[in-house]
PDB file of N, CA and C in Angstrom:
ATOM      1  N   MET A   1      11.555  48.405   1.360  1.00  0.00           N
ATOM      2  CA  MET A   1      10.924  48.263   0.449  1.00  0.00           C
ATOM      3  C   MET A   1       9.425  47.784   0.640  1.00  0.00           C
ATOM      4  N   TRP A   2       8.321  48.262  -0.325  1.00  0.00           N
ATOM      5  CA  TRP A   2       6.630  47.913  -0.243  1.00  0.00           C
ATOM      6  C   TRP A   2       6.786  46.484  -1.040  1.00  0.00           C
ATOM      7  N   GLU A   3       6.274  45.629   0.094  1.00  0.00           N
ATOM      8  CA  GLU A   3       5.691  44.157  -0.594  1.00  0.00           C
ATOM      9  C   GLU A   3       4.331  44.277  -0.916  1.00  0.00           C
ATOM     10  N   PRO A   4       4.140  44.127  -2.198  1.00  0.00           N
ATOM     11  CA  PRO A   4       2.757  44.021  -2.374  1.00  0.00           C
ATOM     12  C   PRO A   4       1.671  42.741  -2.085  1.00  0.00           C
ATOM     13  N   THR A   5       0.810  43.131  -1.569  1.00  0.00           N
ATOM     14  CA  THR A   5       0.156  42.044  -1.036  1.00  0.00           C
ATOM     15  C   THR A   5      -0.827  40.979  -2.383  1.00  0.00           C
ATOM     16  N   GLN A   6      -1.174  39.584  -2.008  1.00  0.00           N
ATOM     17  CA  GLN A   6      -1.938  39.187  -2.850  1.00  0.00           C
ATOM     18  C   GLN A   6      -2.870  40.437  -3.764  1.00  0.00           C
ATOM     19  N   GLU A   7      -3.786  40.790  -2.540  1.00  0.00           N
ATOM     20  CA  GLU A   7      -4.731  41.646  -2.829  1.00  0.00           C
ATOM     21  C   GLU A   7      -4.573  42.657  -4.086  1.00  0.00           C
ATOM     22  N   GLU A   8      -3.331  43.220  -3.714  1.00  0.00           N
ATOM     23  CA  GLU A   8      -2.877  44.475  -4.558  1.00  0.00           C
ATOM     24  C   GLU A   8      -2.301  43.747  -5.780  1.00  0.00           C
ATOM     25  N   VAL A   9      -1.556  42.951  -5.811  1.00  0.00           N
ATOM     26  CA  VAL A   9      -1.308  42.477  -7.073  1.00  0.00           C
ATOM     27  C   VAL A   9      -2.590  42.106  -7.906  1.00  0.00           C
ATOM     28  N   ASP A  10      -3.710  41.439  -7.280  1.00  0.00           N
ATOM     29  CA  ASP A  10      -4.761  41.370  -8.164  1.00  0.00           C
ATOM     30  C   ASP A  10      -5.478  42.551  -8.628  1.00  0.00           C
ATOM     31  N   GLN A  11      -5.558  43.626  -7.711  1.00  0.00           N
ATOM     32  CA  GLN A  11      -5.889  44.589  -8.346  1.00  0.00           C
ATOM     33  C   GLN A  11      -5.209  45.145  -9.534  1.00  0.00           C
ATOM     34  N   LEU A  12      -3.630  45.271  -9.362  1.00  0.00           N
ATOM     35  CA  LEU A  12      -3.192  45.568 -10.756  1.00  0.00           C
ATOM     36  C   LEU A  12      -3.303  44.981 -11.803  1.00  0.00           C
ATOM     37  N   LYS A  13      -3.590  43.930 -11.584  1.00  0.00           N
ATOM     38  CA  LYS A  13      -4.001  42.863 -12.747  1.00  0.00           C
ATOM     39  C   LYS A  13      -5.087  42.876 -13.323  1.00  0.00           C
ATOM     40  N   LYS A  14      -6.277  43.129 -12.530  1.00  0.00           N
ATOM     41  CA  LYS A  14      -7.786  43.594 -12.869  1.00  0.00           C
ATOM     42  C   LYS A  14      -7.491  45.195 -13.873  1.00  0.00           C
ATOM     43  N   MET A  15      -6.686  45.634 -13.418  1.00  0.00           N
ATOM     44  CA  MET A  15      -6.517  47.393 -13.979  1.00  0.00           C
ATOM     45  C   MET A  15      -5.942  47.249 -15.530  1.00  0.00           C
ATOM     46  N   ASN A  16      -4.832  45.648 -15.765  1.00  0.00           N
ATOM     47  CA  ASN A  16      -4.489  45.580 -16.878  1.00  0.00           C
ATOM     48  C   ASN A  16      -5.505  44.558 -17.426  1.00  0.00           C
ATOM     49  N   ASN A  17      -6.740  44.026 -17.151  1.00  0.00           N
ATOM     50  CA  ASN A  17      -7.306  43.132 -17.765  1.00  0.00           C
ATOM     51  C   ASN A  17      -6.381  41.763 -17.782  1.00  0.00           C
ATOM     52  N   VAL A  18      -5.629  41.399 -16.877  1.00  0.00           N
ATOM     53  CA  VAL A  18      -4.737  40.127 -16.867  1.00  0.00           C
ATOM     54  C   VAL A  18      -5.491  39.198 -15.757  1.00  0.00           C
ATOM     55  N   THR A  19      -5.477  37.969 -16.215  1.00  0.00           N
ATOM     56  CA  THR A  19      -6.269  36.996 -15.476  1.00  0.00           C
ATOM     57  C   THR A  19      -5.228  35.803 -15.122  1.00  0.00           C
ATOM     58  N   GLY A  20      -5.127  34.820 -14.363  1.00  0.00           N
ATOM     59  CA  GLY A  20      -4.219  34.052 -13.936  1.00  0.00           C
ATOM     60  C   GLY A  20      -3.100  34.316 -12.927  1.00  0.00           C
ATOM     61  N   ALA A  21      -2.856  33.361 -12.671  1.00  0.00           N
ATOM     62  CA  ALA A  21      -1.334  33.874 -11.843  1.00  0.00           C
ATOM     63  C   ALA A  21      -0.148  33.575 -12.554  1.00  0.00           C
ATOM     64  N   LYS A  22      -0.088  33.551 -13.589  1.00  0.00           N
ATOM     65  CA  LYS A  22       1.129  33.459 -14.607  1.00  0.00           C
ATOM     66  C   LYS A  22       2.298  34.494 -14.313  1.00  0.00           C
ATOM     67  N   HIS A  23       1.623  35.485 -14.119  1.00  0.00           N
ATOM     68  CA  HIS A  23       2.654  36.812 -14.138  1.00  0.00           C
ATOM     69  C   HIS A  23       2.735  37.646 -12.812  1.00  0.00           C
ATOM     70  N   ASP A  24       2.056  36.782 -11.457  1.00  0.00           N
ATOM     71  CA  ASP A  24       2.438  37.266 -10.406  1.00  0.00           C
ATOM     72  C   ASP A  24       3.453  37.223  -9.645  1.00  0.00           C
ATOM     73  N   GLY A  25       4.281  36.657  -9.779  1.00  0.00           N
ATOM     74  CA  GLY A  25       5.833  36.936  -9.600  1.00  0.00           C
ATOM     75  C   GLY A  25       6.715  38.202 -10.066  1.00  0.00           C
ATOM     76  N   PHE A  26       6.235  38.557 -11.722  1.00  0.00           N
ATOM     77  CA  PHE A  26       7.004  39.849 -12.196  1.00  0.00           C
ATOM     78  C   PHE A  26       6.015  40.984 -11.622  1.00  0.00           C
ATOM     79  N   TYR A  27       4.746  41.042 -11.360  1.00  0.00           N
ATOM     80  CA  TYR A  27       3.742  41.799 -10.306  1.00  0.00           C
ATOM     81  C   TYR A  27       4.334  42.316  -8.979  1.00  0.00           C
ATOM     82  N   ARG A  28       4.823  41.104  -8.285  1.00  0.00           N
ATOM     83  CA  ARG A  28       5.237  41.219  -6.994  1.00  0.00           C
ATOM     84  C   ARG A  28       6.868  42.085  -7.079  1.00  0.00           C
ATOM     85  N   ALA A  29       7.447  41.887  -8.377  1.00  0.00           N
ATOM     86  CA  ALA A  29       9.124  42.013  -8.227  1.00  0.00           C
ATOM     87  C   ALA A  29       9.124  43.392  -8.681  1.00  0.00           C
ATOM     88  N   ILE A  30       7.975  43.845  -9.433  1.00  0.00           N
ATOM     89  CA  ILE A  30       8.661  45.235 -10.288  1.00  0.00           C
ATOM     90  C   ILE A  30       7.422  46.380  -9.716  1.00  0.00           C
ATOM     91  N   ALA A  31       6.443  45.978  -8.756  1.00  0.00           N
ATOM     92  CA  ALA A  31       5.630  47.245  -8.500  1.00  0.00           C
ATOM     93  C   ALA A  31       5.870  47.879  -7.525  1.00  0.00           C
ATOM     94  N   PRO A  32       7.089  47.369  -6.720  1.00  0.00           N
ATOM     95  CA  PRO A  32       7.664  48.205  -5.628  1.00  0.00           C
ATOM     96  C   PRO A  32       8.755  49.062  -6.338  1.00  0.00           C
ATOM     97  N   ILE A  33       9.509  48.688  -7.350  1.00  0.00           N
ATOM     98  CA  ILE A  33      10.235  49.355  -7.886  1.00  0.00           C
ATOM     99  C   ILE A  33       9.630  50.817  -8.743  1.00  0.00           C
ATOM    100  N   LEU A  34       8.465  50.249  -9.258  1.00  0.00           N
ATOM    101  CA  LEU A  34       7.409  51.488 -10.118  1.00  0.00           C
ATOM    102  C   LEU A  34       7.153  52.360  -8.928  1.00  0.00           C
ATOM    103  N   PHE A  35       6.785  51.892  -7.631  1.00  0.00           N
ATOM    104  CA  PHE A  35       6.275  52.893  -7.142  1.00  0.00           C
ATOM    105  C   PHE A  35       7.340  53.645  -6.178  1.00  0.00           C
ATOM    106  N   ASP A  36       8.526  53.116  -6.002  1.00  0.00           N
ATOM    107  CA  ASP A  36      10.033  54.473  -5.689  1.00  0.00           C
ATOM    108  C   ASP A  36      10.182  55.289  -7.020  1.00  0.00           C
ATOM    109  N   VAL A  37       9.684  54.708  -8.298  1.00  0.00           N
ATOM    110  CA  VAL A  37       9.935  55.715  -9.712  1.00  0.00           C
ATOM    111  C   VAL A  37       8.983  56.688  -9.328  1.00  0.00           C
ATOM    112  N   ALA A  38       7.416  56.667  -8.919  1.00  0.00           N
ATOM    113  CA  ALA A  38       6.341  57.313  -9.100  1.00  0.00           C
ATOM    114  C   ALA A  38       6.979  58.425  -7.612  1.00  0.00           C
ATOM    115  N   LYS A  39       7.402  58.102  -6.661  1.00  0.00           N
ATOM    116  CA  LYS A  39       7.595  58.579  -5.836  1.00  0.00           C
ATOM    117  C   LYS A  39       8.696  59.805  -5.833  1.00  0.00           C
ATOM    118  N   ASP A  40       9.558  59.165  -6.472  1.00  0.00           N
ATOM    119  CA  ASP A  40      10.851  60.616  -7.285  1.00  0.00           C
ATOM    120  C   ASP A  40      10.427  61.333  -8.199  1.00  0.00           C
ATOM    121  N   HIS A  41       9.813  60.722  -9.156  1.00  0.00           N
ATOM    122  CA  HIS A  41       9.128  61.493 -10.301  1.00  0.00           C
ATOM    123  C   HIS A  41       7.982  62.984  -9.607  1.00  0.00           C
ATOM    124  N   CYS A  42       7.255  62.363  -8.303  1.00  0.00           N
ATOM    125  CA  CYS A  42       6.481  63.464  -8.134  1.00  0.00           C
ATOM    126  C   CYS A  42       7.091  64.085  -6.975  1.00  0.00           C
ATOM    127  N   ASN A  43       8.147  64.020  -6.271  1.00  0.00           N
ATOM    128  CA  ASN A  43       8.794  64.480  -5.103  1.00  0.00           C
ATOM    129  C   ASN A  43       8.143  64.372  -3.843  1.00  0.00           C
ATOM    130  N   ARG A  44       7.488  63.326  -3.752  1.00  0.00           N
ATOM    131  CA  ARG A  44       6.410  62.640  -2.620  1.00  0.00           C
ATOM    132  C   ARG A  44       7.182  61.399  -1.974  1.00  0.00           C
ATOM    133  N   THR A  45       6.394  61.419  -1.050  1.00  0.00           N
ATOM    134  CA  THR A  45       7.115  60.419   0.075  1.00  0.00           C
ATOM    135  C   THR A  45       5.452  59.811   0.635  1.00  0.00           C
ATOM    136  N   TRP A  46       4.957  58.884  -0.070  1.00  0.00           N
ATOM    137  CA  TRP A  46       3.806  58.186   0.450  1.00  0.00           C
ATOM    138  C   TRP A  46       4.168  56.841   1.004  1.00  0.00           C
ATOM    139  N   GLU A  47       3.084  56.637   1.796  1.00  0.00           N
ATOM    140  CA  GLU A  47       3.422  55.300   2.418  1.00  0.00           C
ATOM    141  C   GLU A  47       2.315  54.371   1.375  1.00  0.00           C
ATOM    142  N   PRO A  48       2.931  53.019   1.196  1.00  0.00           N
ATOM    143  CA  PRO A  48       1.722  52.199   0.176  1.00  0.00           C
ATOM    144  C   PRO A  48       0.282  52.454   0.771  1.00  0.00           C
ATOM    145  N   SER A  49       0.117  52.104   2.293  1.00  0.00           N
ATOM    146  CA  SER A  49      -1.257  52.312   2.457  1.00  0.00           C
ATOM    147  C   SER A  49      -2.097  53.875   1.889  1.00  0.00           C
ATOM    148  N   GLU A  50      -1.386  54.608   1.937  1.00  0.00           N
ATOM    149  CA  GLU A  50      -2.211  55.928   1.388  1.00  0.00           C
ATOM    150  C   GLU A  50      -1.385  56.451  -0.368  1.00  0.00           C
ATOM    151  N   MET A  51      -1.321  55.080  -1.070  1.00  0.00           N
ATOM    152  CA  MET A  51      -1.009  55.757  -2.546  1.00  0.00           C
ATOM    153  C   MET A  51      -2.175  55.846  -3.081  1.00  0.00           C
ATOM    154  N   PRO A  52      -2.221  57.053  -3.893  1.00  0.00           N
ATOM    155  CA  PRO A  52      -3.384  57.556  -4.480  1.00  0.00           C
ATOM    156  C   PRO A  52      -3.557  56.643  -5.933  1.00  0.00           C
ATOM    157  N   GLN A  53      -5.073  56.628  -6.260  1.00  0.00           N
ATOM    158  CA  GLN A  53      -5.236  55.724  -6.974  1.00  0.00           C
ATOM    159  C   GLN A  53      -4.658  55.592  -8.351  1.00  0.00           C
ATOM    160  N   GLY A  54      -4.064  57.315  -9.061  1.00  0.00           N
ATOM    161  CA  GLY A  54      -3.440  57.352  -9.916  1.00  0.00           C
ATOM    162  C   GLY A  54      -2.166  56.826 -10.065  1.00  0.00           C
ATOM    163  N   VAL A  55      -1.414  57.019  -9.065  1.00  0.00           N
ATOM    164  CA  VAL A  55      -0.310  56.026  -8.759  1.00  0.00           C
ATOM    165  C   VAL A  55      -0.447  54.508  -9.002  1.00  0.00           C
ATOM    166  N   ARG A  56      -1.138  54.005  -8.714  1.00  0.00           N
ATOM    167  CA  ARG A  56      -1.699  52.872  -8.833  1.00  0.00           C
ATOM    168  C   ARG A  56      -1.990  52.069 -10.248  1.00  0.00           C
ATOM    169  N   LEU A  57      -2.804  53.035 -10.854  1.00  0.00           N
ATOM    170  CA  LEU A  57      -2.846  53.287 -12.579  1.00  0.00           C
ATOM    171  C   LEU A  57      -1.369  53.612 -13.201  1.00  0.00           C
ATOM    172  N   PHE A  58      -0.516  54.299 -12.834  1.00  0.00           N
ATOM    173  CA  PHE A  58       0.432  54.405 -13.056  1.00  0.00           C
ATOM    174  C   PHE A  58       1.405  53.372 -13.630  1.00  0.00           C
ATOM    175  N   ILE A  59       1.677  52.489 -11.945  1.00  0.00           N
ATOM    176  CA  ILE A  59       2.350  51.288 -11.789  1.00  0.00           C
ATOM    177  C   ILE A  59       1.315  50.221 -12.608  1.00  0.00           C
ATOM    178  N   ALA A  60       0.239  50.119 -12.764  1.00  0.00           N
ATOM    179  CA  ALA A  60      -0.297  48.611 -13.685  1.00  0.00           C
ATOM    180  C   ALA A  60       0.263  49.282 -15.063  1.00  0.00           C
ATOM    181  N   LYS A  61       0.013  50.226 -15.586  1.00  0.00           N
ATOM    182  CA  LYS A  61       0.114  50.560 -16.896  1.00  0.00           C
ATOM    183  C   LYS A  61       1.430  50.454 -17.448  1.00  0.00           C
ATOM    184  N   ALA A  62       2.570  50.884 -16.481  1.00  0.00           N
ATOM    185  CA  ALA A  62       3.971  50.574 -16.712  1.00  0.00           C
ATOM    186  C   ALA A  62       4.269  49.310 -16.351  1.00  0.00           C
ATOM    187  N   ILE A  63       3.385  48.491 -15.363  1.00  0.00           N
ATOM    188  CA  ILE A  63       3.972  47.060 -16.048  1.00  0.00           C
ATOM    189  C   ILE A  63       3.633  46.496 -17.046  1.00  0.00           C
ATOM    190  N   GLN A  64       2.096  46.734 -17.487  1.00  0.00           N
ATOM    191  CA  GLN A  64       1.821  46.382 -19.049  1.00  0.00           C
ATOM    192  C   GLN A  64       2.355  46.822 -19.965  1.00  0.00           C
ATOM    193  N   PHE A  65       3.206  47.861 -19.946  1.00  0.00           N
ATOM    194  CA  PHE A  65       4.170  48.417 -21.105  1.00  0.00           C
ATOM    195  C   PHE A  65       5.384  47.499 -21.114  1.00  0.00           C
ATOM    196  N   ASN A  66       6.010  46.966 -20.026  1.00  0.00           N
ATOM    197  CA  ASN A  66       6.852  46.450 -19.595  1.00  0.00           C
ATOM    198  C   ASN A  66       6.701  44.967 -20.371  1.00  0.00           C
ATOM    199  N   MET A  67       5.652  44.232 -20.196  1.00  0.00           N
ATOM    200  CA  MET A  67       5.067  43.227 -20.473  1.00  0.00           C
ATOM    201  C   MET A  67       5.237  42.984 -21.932  1.00  0.00           C
ATOM    202  N   GLN A  68       5.362  44.248 -22.774  1.00  0.00           N
ATOM    203  CA  GLN A  68       5.090  44.029 -24.077  1.00  0.00           C
ATOM    204  C   GLN A  68       6.211  43.588 -24.875  1.00  0.00           C
ATOM    205  N   THR A  69       6.608  43.206 -26.043  1.00  0.00           N
ATOM    206  CA  THR A  69       7.677  42.405 -26.363  1.00  0.00           C
ATOM    207  C   THR A  69       7.809  43.429 -27.753  1.00  0.00           C
ATOM    208  N   THR A  70       6.967  44.617 -27.809  1.00  0.00           N
ATOM    209  CA  THR A  70       7.220  45.450 -28.874  1.00  0.00           C
ATOM    210  C   THR A  70       8.290  46.422 -28.415  1.00  0.00           C
ATOM    211  N   GLY A  71       8.519  47.400 -29.426  1.00  0.00           N
ATOM    212  CA  GLY A  71       9.458  48.644 -28.665  1.00  0.00           C
ATOM    213  C   GLY A  71      11.032  48.443 -29.415  1.00  0.00           C
ATOM    214  N   LEU A  72      10.819  47.905 -30.610  1.00  0.00           N
ATOM    215  CA  LEU A  72      11.741  47.684 -31.373  1.00  0.00           C
ATOM    216  C   LEU A  72      11.844  49.448 -32.463  1.00  0.00           C
ATOM    217  N   LYS A  73      13.159  49.918 -32.141  1.00  0.00           N
ATOM    218  CA  LYS A  73      13.130  51.103 -32.526  1.00  0.00           C
ATOM    219  C   LYS A  73      13.950  51.028 -33.954  1.00  0.00           C
ATOM    220  N   GLY A  74      15.300  50.546 -34.070  1.00  0.00           N
ATOM    221  CA  GLY A  74      15.694  50.366 -35.142  1.00  0.00           C
ATOM    222  C   GLY A  74      16.638  48.676 -35.343  1.00  0.00           C
ATOM    223  N   ARG A  75      16.808  48.541 -36.462  1.00  0.00           N
ATOM    224  CA  ARG A  75      17.204  47.226 -37.083  1.00  0.00           C
ATOM    225  C   ARG A  75      18.611  47.139 -37.971  1.00  0.00           C
ATOM    226  N   VAL A  76      19.240  46.781 -37.769  1.00  0.00           N
ATOM    227  CA  VAL A  76      20.667  46.535 -38.927  1.00  0.00           C
ATOM    228  C   VAL A  76      20.932  45.037 -39.388  1.00  0.00           C
ATOM    229  N   MET A  77      20.892  44.800 -40.568  1.00  0.00           N
ATOM    230  CA  MET A  77      20.817  43.435 -40.747  1.00  0.00           C
ATOM    231  C   MET A  77      22.120  43.130 -40.890  1.00  0.00           C
ATOM    232  N   GLY A  78      23.345  44.022 -41.408  1.00  0.00           N
ATOM    233  CA  GLY A  78      24.810  43.941 -41.396  1.00  0.00           C
ATOM    234  C   GLY A  78      25.410  43.667 -40.254  1.00  0.00           C
ATOM    235  N   THR A  79      25.774  42.811 -39.375  1.00  0.00           N
ATOM    236  CA  THR A  79      26.355  42.116 -38.329  1.00  0.00           C
ATOM    237  C   THR A  79      25.597  42.234 -37.432  1.00  0.00           C
ATOM    238  N   VAL A  80      24.055  42.173 -37.494  1.00  0.00           N
ATOM    239  CA  VAL A  80      22.486  42.225 -36.554  1.00  0.00           C
ATOM    240  C   VAL A  80      23.159  42.921 -35.621  1.00  0.00           C
ATOM    241  N   SER A  81      21.871  44.450 -35.632  1.00  0.00           N
ATOM    242  CA  SER A  81      22.046  45.282 -34.495  1.00  0.00           C
ATOM    243  C   SER A  81      20.570  45.450 -34.265  1.00  0.00           C
ATOM    244  N   TYR A  82      20.346  45.495 -33.270  1.00  0.00           N
ATOM    245  CA  TYR A  82      18.516  45.801 -32.708  1.00  0.00           C
ATOM    246  C   TYR A  82      18.674  47.059 -31.672  1.00  0.00           C
ATOM    247  N   SER A  83      17.680  48.057 -31.858  1.00  0.00           N
ATOM    248  CA  SER A  83      17.592  48.769 -30.738  1.00  0.00           C
ATOM    249  C   SER A  83      16.570  48.923 -30.390  1.00  0.00           C
ATOM    250  N   TYR A  84      16.413  49.161 -28.869  1.00  0.00           N
ATOM    251  CA  TYR A  84      14.828  49.078 -28.335  1.00  0.00           C
ATOM    252  C   TYR A  84      14.619  50.709 -27.781  1.00  0.00           C
ATOM    253  N   ASP A  85      13.352  51.011 -27.538  1.00  0.00           N
ATOM    254  CA  ASP A  85      12.686  51.498 -26.859  1.00  0.00           C
ATOM    255  C   ASP A  85      12.397  51.316 -25.722  1.00  0.00           C
ATOM    256  N   THR A  86      13.044  51.871 -24.598  1.00  0.00           N
ATOM    257  CA  THR A  86      12.698  51.518 -23.090  1.00  0.00           C
ATOM    258  C   THR A  86      12.380  52.361 -22.369  1.00  0.00           C
ATOM    259  N   GLU A  87      11.517  53.731 -22.813  1.00  0.00           N
ATOM    260  CA  GLU A  87      11.503  54.688 -22.021  1.00  0.00           C
ATOM    261  C   GLU A  87       9.761  54.300 -22.114  1.00  0.00           C
ATOM    262  N   PHE A  88       9.262  54.920 -21.157  1.00  0.00           N
ATOM    263  CA  PHE A  88       7.890  54.806 -20.788  1.00  0.00           C
ATOM    264  C   PHE A  88       7.277  55.944 -21.997  1.00  0.00           C
ATOM    265  N   PRO A  89       5.661  55.798 -22.333  1.00  0.00           N
ATOM    266  CA  PRO A  89       5.384  56.953 -23.120  1.00  0.00           C
ATOM    267  C   PRO A  89       4.912  58.120 -22.370  1.00  0.00           C
ATOM    268  N   LYS A  90       4.829  59.158 -22.609  1.00  0.00           N
ATOM    269  CA  LYS A  90       4.246  60.084 -22.001  1.00  0.00           C
ATOM    270  C   LYS A  90       2.577  60.145 -21.340  1.00  0.00           C
ATOM    271  N   ALA A  91       2.098  58.987 -22.259  1.00  0.00           N
ATOM    272  CA  ALA A  91       0.728  58.741 -21.710  1.00  0.00           C
ATOM    273  C   ALA A  91       0.662  58.243 -20.699  1.00  0.00           C
ATOM    274  N   ILE A  92       1.644  57.487 -20.002  1.00  0.00           N
ATOM    275  CA  ILE A  92       1.769  56.885 -18.981  1.00  0.00           C
ATOM    276  C   ILE A  92       2.248  57.710 -17.428  1.00  0.00           C
ATOM    277  N   TRP A  93       2.958  58.281 -18.146  1.00  0.00           N
ATOM    278  CA  TRP A  93       3.569  59.623 -17.050  1.00  0.00           C
ATOM    279  C   TRP A  93       2.445  60.728 -16.677  1.00  0.00           C
ATOM    280  N   THR A  94       1.023  60.791 -17.543  1.00  0.00           N
ATOM    281  CA  THR A  94       0.279  61.945 -17.245  1.00  0.00           C
ATOM    282  C   THR A  94      -0.696  61.006 -16.161  1.00  0.00           C
ATOM    283  N   TYR A  95      -0.462  60.061 -15.703  1.00  0.00           N
ATOM    284  CA  TYR A  95      -1.146  59.420 -14.209  1.00  0.00           C
ATOM    285  C   TYR A  95      -0.880  60.187 -13.233  1.00  0.00           C
ATOM    286  N   LEU A  96       0.391  60.647 -13.432  1.00  0.00           N
ATOM    287  CA  LEU A  96       1.037  60.996 -12.138  1.00  0.00           C
ATOM    288  C   LEU A  96       1.412  62.504 -12.255  1.00  0.00           C
ATOM    289  N   ARG A  97       0.645  63.588 -13.027  1.00  0.00           N
ATOM    290  CA  ARG A  97       0.830  64.640 -13.008  1.00  0.00           C
ATOM    291  C   ARG A  97       0.084  65.502 -11.947  1.00  0.00           C
ATOM    292  N   PRO A  98      -1.208  65.113 -11.764  1.00  0.00           N
ATOM    293  CA  PRO A  98      -1.882  65.752 -10.358  1.00  0.00           C
ATOM    294  C   PRO A  98      -1.278  65.496  -9.330  1.00  0.00           C
ATOM    295  N   TYR A  99      -0.178  64.590  -8.811  1.00  0.00           N
ATOM    296  CA  TYR A  99       0.394  64.373  -7.783  1.00  0.00           C
ATOM    297  C   TYR A  99       1.889  64.788  -7.620  1.00  0.00           C
ATOM    298  N   LYS A 100       2.490  65.727  -8.582  1.00  0.00           N
ATOM    299  CA  LYS A 100       3.619  66.213  -8.903  1.00  0.00           C
ATOM    300  C   LYS A 100       3.437  67.478  -7.792  1.00  0.00           C
ATOM    301  N   LYS A 101       4.647  67.294  -7.105  1.00  0.00           N
ATOM    302  CA  LYS A 101       4.768  68.549  -6.545  1.00  0.00           C
ATOM    303  C   LYS A 101       5.763  69.698  -6.980  1.00  0.00           C
ATOM    304  N   VAL A 102       5.264  70.878  -7.257  1.00  0.00           N
ATOM    305  CA  VAL A 102       6.153  71.757  -7.898  1.00  0.00           C
ATOM    306  C   VAL A 102       7.642  72.151  -6.918  1.00  0.00           C
ATOM    307  N   LYS A 103       8.810  72.112  -7.201  1.00  0.00           N
ATOM    308  CA  LYS A 103       9.822  72.695  -7.115  1.00  0.00           C
ATOM    309  C   LYS A 103      10.235  74.002  -7.351  1.00  0.00           C
ATOM    310  N   PHE A 104      10.644  75.000  -6.475  1.00  0.00           N
ATOM    311  CA  PHE A 104      10.846  76.291  -6.904  1.00  0.00           C
ATOM    312  C   PHE A 104      12.389  76.507  -6.178  1.00  0.00           C
ATOM    313  N   HIS A 105      13.239  77.028  -7.263  1.00  0.00           N
ATOM    314  CA  HIS A 105      14.360  77.142  -7.226  1.00  0.00           C
ATOM    315  C   HIS A 105      15.052  78.884  -7.118  1.00  0.00           C
ATOM    316  N   ALA A 106      15.688  79.038  -6.498  1.00  0.00           N
ATOM    317  CA  ALA A 106      15.867  80.516  -5.768  1.00  0.00           C
ATOM    318  C   ALA A 106      17.157  80.911  -6.819  1.00  0.00           C
ATOM    319  N   LEU A 107      16.681  82.142  -7.554  1.00  0.00           N
ATOM    320  CA  LEU A 107      18.025  82.782  -8.347  1.00  0.00           C
ATOM    321  C   LEU A 107      18.974  83.352  -7.381  1.00  0.00           C
ATOM    322  N   ARG A 108      20.209  83.279  -7.752  1.00  0.00           N
ATOM    323  CA  ARG A 108      21.013  83.998  -7.045  1.00  0.00           C
ATOM    324  C   ARG A 108      21.883  85.048  -7.959  1.00  0.00           C
TER     325      ARG A 108
END
């Protein structure tokens, strides 16, 4: 699994306009997971050294989305029930569109 260097973490934080070292551990932990998500979504196998900039932008914006406390979809007050929207918005997925490899399936 890819282990981002401090320089790569700083680059992702700069894309999100985040300063300080408070969230470095979170960036280090979730960036490799999001890199694998991007590879699976695009049907590609990149090495971290050859990762396209659009994928780096996807990772940065997905981390930014995960750091937000918003996302409350519904709330019920009787016996307290909350539901959260945990799906990434379409705008974040569009960063991966140029890199997505098309799959063709033969009809039988």
